[in-house]
Amino acid sequence: MTKTPIRHPLVAPRASAETELSALLDEIPGWPDAMLVHMHKRFGTSRLFRVHHDPDGPLTASALTLRAAALEEMDRRGLEALAEDEG
């Protein structure tokens, strides 16, 4: 007898998720340089920004959006991204 794999229920995004993402995107240009560089790295490395919080899973759509916005602001300021093992 084989066991059926456990399936996690699909969870709908919170109603406020898009509003929160938009507000965070609006804040990025006001972040100090060090915070901007740190958060760009964090958006790509933290499991909080990965599907099902799987450390090896793909980045969420929101993480990709935030990371791109942070990188765009860094480029505008002439800042370079940290390597994954830095900072």
PDB file of N, CA and C in Angstrom:
ATOM      1  N   MET A   1       0.846  -1.172   0.000  1.00  0.00           N
ATOM      2  CA  MET A   1       0.000   0.000   0.000  1.00  0.00           C
ATOM      3  C   MET A   1       0.900   1.246   0.000  1.00  0.00           C
ATOM      4  N   THR A   2       0.654   2.153  -0.921  1.00  0.00           N
ATOM      5  CA  THR A   2       1.454   3.379  -0.974  1.00  0.00           C
ATOM      6  C   THR A   2       0.674   4.521  -0.348  1.00  0.00           C
ATOM      7  N   LYS A   3       1.428   5.420   0.224  1.00  0.00           N
ATOM      8  CA  LYS A   3       0.792   6.578   0.846  1.00  0.00           C
ATOM      9  C   LYS A   3       0.673   7.702  -0.168  1.00  0.00           C
ATOM     10  N   THR A   4      -0.425   8.376  -0.145  1.00  0.00           N
ATOM     11  CA  THR A   4      -0.611   9.560  -0.971  1.00  0.00           C
ATOM     12  C   THR A   4       0.179  10.696  -0.339  1.00  0.00           C
ATOM     13  N   PRO A   5       0.948  11.433  -1.145  1.00  0.00           N
ATOM     14  CA  PRO A   5       1.709  12.542  -0.556  1.00  0.00           C
ATOM     15  C   PRO A   5       0.774  13.583   0.054  1.00  0.00           C
ATOM     16  N   ILE A   6       1.248  14.166   1.125  1.00  0.00           N
ATOM     17  CA  ILE A   6       0.461  15.218   1.781  1.00  0.00           C
ATOM     18  C   ILE A   6       0.411  16.425   0.862  1.00  0.00           C
ATOM     19  N   ARG A   7      -0.760  16.931   0.656  1.00  0.00           N
ATOM     20  CA  ARG A   7      -0.925  18.131  -0.176  1.00  0.00           C
ATOM     21  C   ARG A   7      -1.289  19.294   0.735  1.00  0.00           C
ATOM     22  N   HIS A   8      -0.557  20.355   0.587  1.00  0.00           N
ATOM     23  CA  HIS A   8      -0.859  21.553   1.357  1.00  0.00           C
ATOM     24  C   HIS A   8      -2.010  22.273   0.674  1.00  0.00           C
ATOM     25  N   PRO A   9      -2.948  22.779   1.444  1.00  0.00           N
ATOM     26  CA  PRO A   9      -4.070  23.487   0.820  1.00  0.00           C
ATOM     27  C   PRO A   9      -3.567  24.754   0.141  1.00  0.00           C
ATOM     28  N   LEU A  10      -4.185  25.084  -0.965  1.00  0.00           N
ATOM     29  CA  LEU A  10      -3.846  26.329  -1.646  1.00  0.00           C
ATOM     30  C   LEU A  10      -4.401  27.477  -0.816  1.00  0.00           C
ATOM     31  N   VAL A  11      -3.591  28.471  -0.631  1.00  0.00           N
ATOM     32  CA  VAL A  11      -3.992  29.614   0.170  1.00  0.00           C
ATOM     33  C   VAL A  11      -4.068  30.828  -0.739  1.00  0.00           C
ATOM     34  N   ALA A  12      -5.177  31.491  -0.694  1.00  0.00           N
ATOM     35  CA  ALA A  12      -5.341  32.704  -1.500  1.00  0.00           C
ATOM     36  C   ALA A  12      -4.520  33.826  -0.879  1.00  0.00           C
ATOM     37  N   PRO A  13      -3.967  34.698  -1.720  1.00  0.00           N
ATOM     38  CA  PRO A  13      -3.213  35.831  -1.167  1.00  0.00           C
ATOM     39  C   PRO A  13      -4.122  36.696  -0.296  1.00  0.00           C
ATOM     40  N   ARG A  14      -3.515  37.311   0.703  1.00  0.00           N
ATOM     41  CA  ARG A  14      -4.292  38.232   1.542  1.00  0.00           C
ATOM     42  C   ARG A  14      -4.850  39.345   0.673  1.00  0.00           C
ATOM     43  N   ALA A  15      -6.008  39.827   1.047  1.00  0.00           N
ATOM     44  CA  ALA A  15      -6.655  40.898   0.279  1.00  0.00           C
ATOM     45  C   ALA A  15      -5.769  42.141   0.211  1.00  0.00           C
ATOM     46  N   SER A  16      -4.964  42.354   1.243  1.00  0.00           N
ATOM     47  CA  SER A  16      -4.141  43.566   1.293  1.00  0.00           C
ATOM     48  C   SER A  16      -2.755  43.367   0.671  1.00  0.00           C
ATOM     49  N   ALA A  17      -2.456  42.190   0.150  1.00  0.00           N
ATOM     50  CA  ALA A  17      -1.105  41.898  -0.342  1.00  0.00           C
ATOM     51  C   ALA A  17      -0.661  42.860  -1.439  1.00  0.00           C
ATOM     52  N   GLU A  18      -1.532  43.131  -2.395  1.00  0.00           N
ATOM     53  CA  GLU A  18      -1.154  44.044  -3.490  1.00  0.00           C
ATOM     54  C   GLU A  18      -0.926  45.461  -2.972  1.00  0.00           C
ATOM     55  N   THR A  19      -1.746  45.891  -2.039  1.00  0.00           N
ATOM     56  CA  THR A  19      -1.586  47.223  -1.457  1.00  0.00           C
ATOM     57  C   THR A  19      -0.273  47.317  -0.687  1.00  0.00           C
ATOM     58  N   GLU A  20       0.042  46.266   0.079  1.00  0.00           N
ATOM     59  CA  GLU A  20       1.291  46.243   0.840  1.00  0.00           C
ATOM     60  C   GLU A  20       2.506  46.226  -0.082  1.00  0.00           C
ATOM     61  N   LEU A  21       2.428  45.459  -1.174  1.00  0.00           N
ATOM     62  CA  LEU A  21       3.521  45.420  -2.139  1.00  0.00           C
ATOM     63  C   LEU A  21       3.713  46.795  -2.772  1.00  0.00           C
ATOM     64  N   SER A  22       2.628  47.418  -3.153  1.00  0.00           N
ATOM     65  CA  SER A  22       2.711  48.745  -3.759  1.00  0.00           C
ATOM     66  C   SER A  22       3.325  49.759  -2.797  1.00  0.00           C
ATOM     67  N   ALA A  23       2.916  49.705  -1.533  1.00  0.00           N
ATOM     68  CA  ALA A  23       3.471  50.626  -0.531  1.00  0.00           C
ATOM     69  C   ALA A  23       4.967  50.391  -0.346  1.00  0.00           C
ATOM     70  N   LEU A  24       5.377  49.130  -0.313  1.00  0.00           N
ATOM     71  CA  LEU A  24       6.796  48.816  -0.157  1.00  0.00           C
ATOM     72  C   LEU A  24       7.595  49.291  -1.373  1.00  0.00           C
ATOM     73  N   LEU A  25       7.050  49.101  -2.565  1.00  0.00           N
ATOM     74  CA  LEU A  25       7.724  49.580  -3.774  1.00  0.00           C
ATOM     75  C   LEU A  25       7.887  51.100  -3.742  1.00  0.00           C
ATOM     76  N   ASP A  26       6.887  51.792  -3.209  1.00  0.00           N
ATOM     77  CA  ASP A  26       6.963  53.255  -3.098  1.00  0.00           C
ATOM     78  C   ASP A  26       8.027  53.703  -2.094  1.00  0.00           C
ATOM     79  N   GLU A  27       8.317  52.873  -1.089  1.00  0.00           N
ATOM     80  CA  GLU A  27       9.310  53.215  -0.061  1.00  0.00           C
ATOM     81  C   GLU A  27      10.744  53.050  -0.542  1.00  0.00           C
ATOM     82  N   ILE A  28      10.982  52.168  -1.481  1.00  0.00           N
ATOM     83  CA  ILE A  28      12.348  51.813  -1.888  1.00  0.00           C
ATOM     84  C   ILE A  28      13.204  53.023  -2.251  1.00  0.00           C
ATOM     85  N   PRO A  29      12.711  53.991  -3.023  1.00  0.00           N
ATOM     86  CA  PRO A  29      13.571  55.144  -3.351  1.00  0.00           C
ATOM     87  C   PRO A  29      14.015  55.959  -2.129  1.00  0.00           C
ATOM     88  N   GLY A  30      13.328  55.848  -1.016  1.00  0.00           N
ATOM     89  CA  GLY A  30      13.686  56.606   0.170  1.00  0.00           C
ATOM     90  C   GLY A  30      14.625  55.883   1.120  1.00  0.00           C
ATOM     91  N   TRP A  31      14.949  54.635   0.811  1.00  0.00           N
ATOM     92  CA  TRP A  31      15.828  53.868   1.693  1.00  0.00           C
ATOM     93  C   TRP A  31      17.266  54.377   1.607  1.00  0.00           C
ATOM     94  N   PRO A  32      17.985  54.399   2.738  1.00  0.00           N
ATOM     95  CA  PRO A  32      19.415  54.727   2.706  1.00  0.00           C
ATOM     96  C   PRO A  32      20.161  53.671   1.871  1.00  0.00           C
ATOM     97  N   ASP A  33      21.319  54.042   1.343  1.00  0.00           N
ATOM     98  CA  ASP A  33      22.094  53.148   0.476  1.00  0.00           C
ATOM     99  C   ASP A  33      22.335  51.769   1.092  1.00  0.00           C
ATOM    100  N   ALA A  34      22.786  51.747   2.347  1.00  0.00           N
ATOM    101  CA  ALA A  34      23.120  50.465   2.982  1.00  0.00           C
ATOM    102  C   ALA A  34      21.888  49.570   3.098  1.00  0.00           C
ATOM    103  N   MET A  35      20.757  50.145   3.440  1.00  0.00           N
ATOM    104  CA  MET A  35      19.526  49.365   3.556  1.00  0.00           C
ATOM    105  C   MET A  35      19.083  48.846   2.181  1.00  0.00           C
ATOM    106  N   LEU A  36      19.208  49.685   1.179  1.00  0.00           N
ATOM    107  CA  LEU A  36      18.823  49.310  -0.175  1.00  0.00           C
ATOM    108  C   LEU A  36      19.636  48.107  -0.657  1.00  0.00           C
ATOM    109  N   VAL A  37      20.937  48.163  -0.481  1.00  0.00           N
ATOM    110  CA  VAL A  37      21.812  47.065  -0.907  1.00  0.00           C
ATOM    111  C   VAL A  37      21.508  45.804  -0.100  1.00  0.00           C
ATOM    112  N   HIS A  38      21.317  45.963   1.210  1.00  0.00           N
ATOM    113  CA  HIS A  38      21.008  44.816   2.071  1.00  0.00           C
ATOM    114  C   HIS A  38      19.682  44.169   1.661  1.00  0.00           C
ATOM    115  N   MET A  39      18.658  44.977   1.434  1.00  0.00           N
ATOM    116  CA  MET A  39      17.345  44.416   1.105  1.00  0.00           C
ATOM    117  C   MET A  39      17.332  43.789  -0.283  1.00  0.00           C
ATOM    118  N   HIS A  40      18.100  44.337  -1.220  1.00  0.00           N
ATOM    119  CA  HIS A  40      18.196  43.703  -2.541  1.00  0.00           C
ATOM    120  C   HIS A  40      18.696  42.275  -2.370  1.00  0.00           C
ATOM    121  N   LYS A  41      19.742  42.119  -1.542  1.00  0.00           N
ATOM    122  CA  LYS A  41      20.278  40.780  -1.288  1.00  0.00           C
ATOM    123  C   LYS A  41      19.238  39.918  -0.579  1.00  0.00           C
ATOM    124  N   ARG A  42      18.602  40.465   0.431  1.00  0.00           N
ATOM    125  CA  ARG A  42      17.633  39.703   1.229  1.00  0.00           C
ATOM    126  C   ARG A  42      16.447  39.233   0.392  1.00  0.00           C
ATOM    127  N   PHE A  43      15.977  40.064  -0.524  1.00  0.00           N
ATOM    128  CA  PHE A  43      14.857  39.668  -1.378  1.00  0.00           C
ATOM    129  C   PHE A  43      15.208  38.427  -2.206  1.00  0.00           C
ATOM    130  N   GLY A  44      16.483  38.205  -2.460  1.00  0.00           N
ATOM    131  CA  GLY A  44      16.898  37.060  -3.259  1.00  0.00           C
ATOM    132  C   GLY A  44      17.386  35.860  -2.476  1.00  0.00           C
ATOM    133  N   THR A  45      17.656  36.044  -1.175  1.00  0.00           N
ATOM    134  CA  THR A  45      18.246  34.941  -0.416  1.00  0.00           C
ATOM    135  C   THR A  45      17.389  34.436   0.735  1.00  0.00           C
ATOM    136  N   SER A  46      16.529  35.255   1.273  1.00  0.00           N
ATOM    137  CA  SER A  46      15.728  34.838   2.426  1.00  0.00           C
ATOM    138  C   SER A  46      14.635  33.860   2.014  1.00  0.00           C
ATOM    139  N   ARG A  47      14.442  32.838   2.822  1.00  0.00           N
ATOM    140  CA  ARG A  47      13.384  31.882   2.497  1.00  0.00           C
ATOM    141  C   ARG A  47      12.000  32.493   2.683  1.00  0.00           C
ATOM    142  N   LEU A  48      11.916  33.639   3.354  1.00  0.00           N
ATOM    143  CA  LEU A  48      10.633  34.332   3.470  1.00  0.00           C
ATOM    144  C   LEU A  48      10.106  34.766   2.108  1.00  0.00           C
ATOM    145  N   PHE A  49      11.008  34.917   1.146  1.00  0.00           N
ATOM    146  CA  PHE A  49      10.630  35.369  -0.188  1.00  0.00           C
ATOM    147  C   PHE A  49      10.619  34.228  -1.200  1.00  0.00           C
ATOM    148  N   ARG A  50      10.539  33.000  -0.697  1.00  0.00           N
ATOM    149  CA  ARG A  50      10.513  31.824  -1.569  1.00  0.00           C
ATOM    150  C   ARG A  50       9.175  31.107  -1.436  1.00  0.00           C
ATOM    151  N   VAL A  51       8.772  30.458  -2.505  1.00  0.00           N
ATOM    152  CA  VAL A  51       7.511  29.733  -2.512  1.00  0.00           C
ATOM    153  C   VAL A  51       7.524  28.694  -1.389  1.00  0.00           C
ATOM    154  N   HIS A  52       6.500  28.704  -0.563  1.00  0.00           N
ATOM    155  CA  HIS A  52       6.344  27.805   0.581  1.00  0.00           C
ATOM    156  C   HIS A  52       7.517  27.893   1.565  1.00  0.00           C
ATOM    157  N   HIS A  53       8.248  28.998   1.552  1.00  0.00           N
ATOM    158  CA  HIS A  53       9.392  29.212   2.452  1.00  0.00           C
ATOM    159  C   HIS A  53      10.447  28.119   2.313  1.00  0.00           C
ATOM    160  N   ASP A  54      10.473  27.475   1.160  1.00  0.00           N
ATOM    161  CA  ASP A  54      11.465  26.433   0.882  1.00  0.00           C
ATOM    162  C   ASP A  54      12.783  27.121   0.544  1.00  0.00           C
ATOM    163  N   PRO A  55      13.852  26.903   1.334  1.00  0.00           N
ATOM    164  CA  PRO A  55      15.116  27.606   1.079  1.00  0.00           C
ATOM    165  C   PRO A  55      15.686  27.376  -0.319  1.00  0.00           C
ATOM    166  N   ASP A  56      15.314  26.273  -0.939  1.00  0.00           N
ATOM    167  CA  ASP A  56      15.802  25.993  -2.288  1.00  0.00           C
ATOM    168  C   ASP A  56      14.733  26.220  -3.342  1.00  0.00           C
ATOM    169  N   GLY A  57      13.585  26.705  -2.923  1.00  0.00           N
ATOM    170  CA  GLY A  57      12.476  26.917  -3.848  1.00  0.00           C
ATOM    171  C   GLY A  57      12.647  28.190  -4.663  1.00  0.00           C
ATOM    172  N   PRO A  58      11.780  28.371  -5.641  1.00  0.00           N
ATOM    173  CA  PRO A  58      11.848  29.576  -6.470  1.00  0.00           C
ATOM    174  C   PRO A  58      11.395  30.811  -5.695  1.00  0.00           C
ATOM    175  N   LEU A  59      11.869  31.956  -6.142  1.00  0.00           N
ATOM    176  CA  LEU A  59      11.430  33.215  -5.539  1.00  0.00           C
ATOM    177  C   LEU A  59       9.960  33.446  -5.879  1.00  0.00           C
ATOM    178  N   THR A  60       9.261  34.099  -4.966  1.00  0.00           N
ATOM    179  CA  THR A  60       7.869  34.457  -5.234  1.00  0.00           C
ATOM    180  C   THR A  60       7.830  35.595  -6.250  1.00  0.00           C
ATOM    181  N   ALA A  61       6.669  35.788  -6.848  1.00  0.00           N
ATOM    182  CA  ALA A  61       6.505  36.894  -7.802  1.00  0.00           C
ATOM    183  C   ALA A  61       6.776  38.233  -7.117  1.00  0.00           C
ATOM    184  N   SER A  62       6.325  38.379  -5.880  1.00  0.00           N
ATOM    185  CA  SER A  62       6.569  39.624  -5.146  1.00  0.00           C
ATOM    186  C   SER A  62       8.058  39.841  -4.908  1.00  0.00           C
ATOM    187  N   ALA A  63       8.777  38.782  -4.570  1.00  0.00           N
ATOM    188  CA  ALA A  63      10.218  38.898  -4.349  1.00  0.00           C
ATOM    189  C   ALA A  63      10.924  39.344  -5.623  1.00  0.00           C
ATOM    190  N   LEU A  64      10.529  38.776  -6.747  1.00  0.00           N
ATOM    191  CA  LEU A  64      11.139  39.169  -8.022  1.00  0.00           C
ATOM    192  C   LEU A  64      10.868  40.632  -8.325  1.00  0.00           C
ATOM    193  N   THR A  65       9.650  41.078  -8.044  1.00  0.00           N
ATOM    194  CA  THR A  65       9.283  42.480  -8.274  1.00  0.00           C
ATOM    195  C   THR A  65      10.080  43.405  -7.365  1.00  0.00           C
ATOM    196  N   LEU A  66      10.162  43.063  -6.077  1.00  0.00           N
ATOM    197  CA  LEU A  66      10.897  43.892  -5.119  1.00  0.00           C
ATOM    198  C   LEU A  66      12.389  43.917  -5.442  1.00  0.00           C
ATOM    199  N   ARG A  67      12.936  42.774  -5.785  1.00  0.00           N
ATOM    200  CA  ARG A  67      14.367  42.685  -6.116  1.00  0.00           C
ATOM    201  C   ARG A  67      14.690  43.531  -7.343  1.00  0.00           C
ATOM    202  N   ALA A  68      13.830  43.471  -8.348  1.00  0.00           N
ATOM    203  CA  ALA A  68      14.042  44.268  -9.561  1.00  0.00           C
ATOM    204  C   ALA A  68      13.948  45.763  -9.252  1.00  0.00           C
ATOM    205  N   ALA A  69      12.986  46.148  -8.427  1.00  0.00           N
ATOM    206  CA  ALA A  69      12.838  47.566  -8.069  1.00  0.00           C
ATOM    207  C   ALA A  69      14.042  48.058  -7.274  1.00  0.00           C
ATOM    208  N   ALA A  70      14.531  47.225  -6.358  1.00  0.00           N
ATOM    209  CA  ALA A  70      15.709  47.606  -5.574  1.00  0.00           C
ATOM    210  C   ALA A  70      16.935  47.729  -6.476  1.00  0.00           C
ATOM    211  N   LEU A  71      17.090  46.790  -7.408  1.00  0.00           N
ATOM    212  CA  LEU A  71      18.231  46.847  -8.325  1.00  0.00           C
ATOM    213  C   LEU A  71      18.154  48.082  -9.227  1.00  0.00           C
ATOM    214  N   GLU A  72      16.972  48.417  -9.669  1.00  0.00           N
ATOM    215  CA  GLU A  72      16.796  49.616 -10.502  1.00  0.00           C
ATOM    216  C   GLU A  72      17.209  50.869  -9.735  1.00  0.00           C
ATOM    217  N   GLU A  73      16.815  50.956  -8.471  1.00  0.00           N
ATOM    218  CA  GLU A  73      17.190  52.100  -7.637  1.00  0.00           C
ATOM    219  C   GLU A  73      18.698  52.100  -7.371  1.00  0.00           C
ATOM    220  N   MET A  74      19.272  50.920  -7.157  1.00  0.00           N
ATOM    221  CA  MET A  74      20.719  50.827  -6.951  1.00  0.00           C
ATOM    222  C   MET A  74      21.468  51.291  -8.196  1.00  0.00           C
ATOM    223  N   ASP A  75      21.002  50.875  -9.361  1.00  0.00           N
ATOM    224  CA  ASP A  75      21.625  51.306 -10.607  1.00  0.00           C
ATOM    225  C   ASP A  75      21.549  52.826 -10.751  1.00  0.00           C
ATOM    226  N   ARG A  76      20.397  53.390 -10.399  1.00  0.00           N
ATOM    227  CA  ARG A  76      20.220  54.844 -10.490  1.00  0.00           C
ATOM    228  C   ARG A  76      21.212  55.573  -9.591  1.00  0.00           C
ATOM    229  N   ARG A  77      21.523  54.974  -8.432  1.00  0.00           N
ATOM    230  CA  ARG A  77      22.458  55.584  -7.480  1.00  0.00           C
ATOM    231  C   ARG A  77      23.907  55.182  -7.716  1.00  0.00           C
ATOM    232  N   GLY A  78      24.145  54.266  -8.635  1.00  0.00           N
ATOM    233  CA  GLY A  78      25.507  53.805  -8.890  1.00  0.00           C
ATOM    234  C   GLY A  78      26.024  52.834  -7.846  1.00  0.00           C
ATOM    235  N   LEU A  79      25.120  52.096  -7.197  1.00  0.00           N
ATOM    236  CA  LEU A  79      25.507  51.128  -6.169  1.00  0.00           C
ATOM    237  C   LEU A  79      25.615  49.737  -6.777  1.00  0.00           C
ATOM    238  N   GLU A  80      26.472  48.913  -6.189  1.00  0.00           N
ATOM    239  CA  GLU A  80      26.630  47.539  -6.662  1.00  0.00           C
ATOM    240  C   GLU A  80      26.002  46.565  -5.677  1.00  0.00           C
ATOM    241  N   ALA A  81      25.491  45.473  -6.209  1.00  0.00           N
ATOM    242  CA  ALA A  81      24.861  44.445  -5.382  1.00  0.00           C
ATOM    243  C   ALA A  81      25.919  43.669  -4.612  1.00  0.00           C
ATOM    244  N   LEU A  82      25.523  43.187  -3.432  1.00  0.00           N
ATOM    245  CA  LEU A  82      26.387  42.302  -2.650  1.00  0.00           C
ATOM    246  C   LEU A  82      26.321  40.902  -3.217  1.00  0.00           C
ATOM    247  N   ALA A  83      27.421  40.188  -3.122  1.00  0.00           N
ATOM    248  CA  ALA A  83      27.408  38.767  -3.458  1.00  0.00           C
ATOM    249  C   ALA A  83      26.598  38.050  -2.387  1.00  0.00           C
ATOM    250  N   GLU A  84      26.088  36.872  -2.697  1.00  0.00           N
ATOM    251  CA  GLU A  84      25.246  36.157  -1.735  1.00  0.00           C
ATOM    252  C   GLU A  84      25.966  35.849  -0.436  1.00  0.00           C
ATOM    253  N   ASP A  85      27.277  35.723  -0.445  1.00  0.00           N
ATOM    254  CA  ASP A  85      28.007  35.419   0.780  1.00  0.00           C
ATOM    255  C   ASP A  85      28.545  36.656   1.490  1.00  0.00           C
ATOM    256  N   GLU A  86      28.200  37.841   1.006  1.00  0.00           N
ATOM    257  CA  GLU A  86      28.643  39.089   1.632  1.00  0.00           C
ATOM    258  C   GLU A  86      27.540  39.652   2.510  1.00  0.00           C
ATOM    259  N   GLY A  87      27.958  40.488   3.468  1.00  0.00           N
ATOM    260  CA  GLY A  87      27.085  41.309   4.237  1.00  0.00           C
ATOM    261  C   GLY A  87      26.051  40.656   5.028  1.00  0.00           C
TER     262      GLY A  87
END
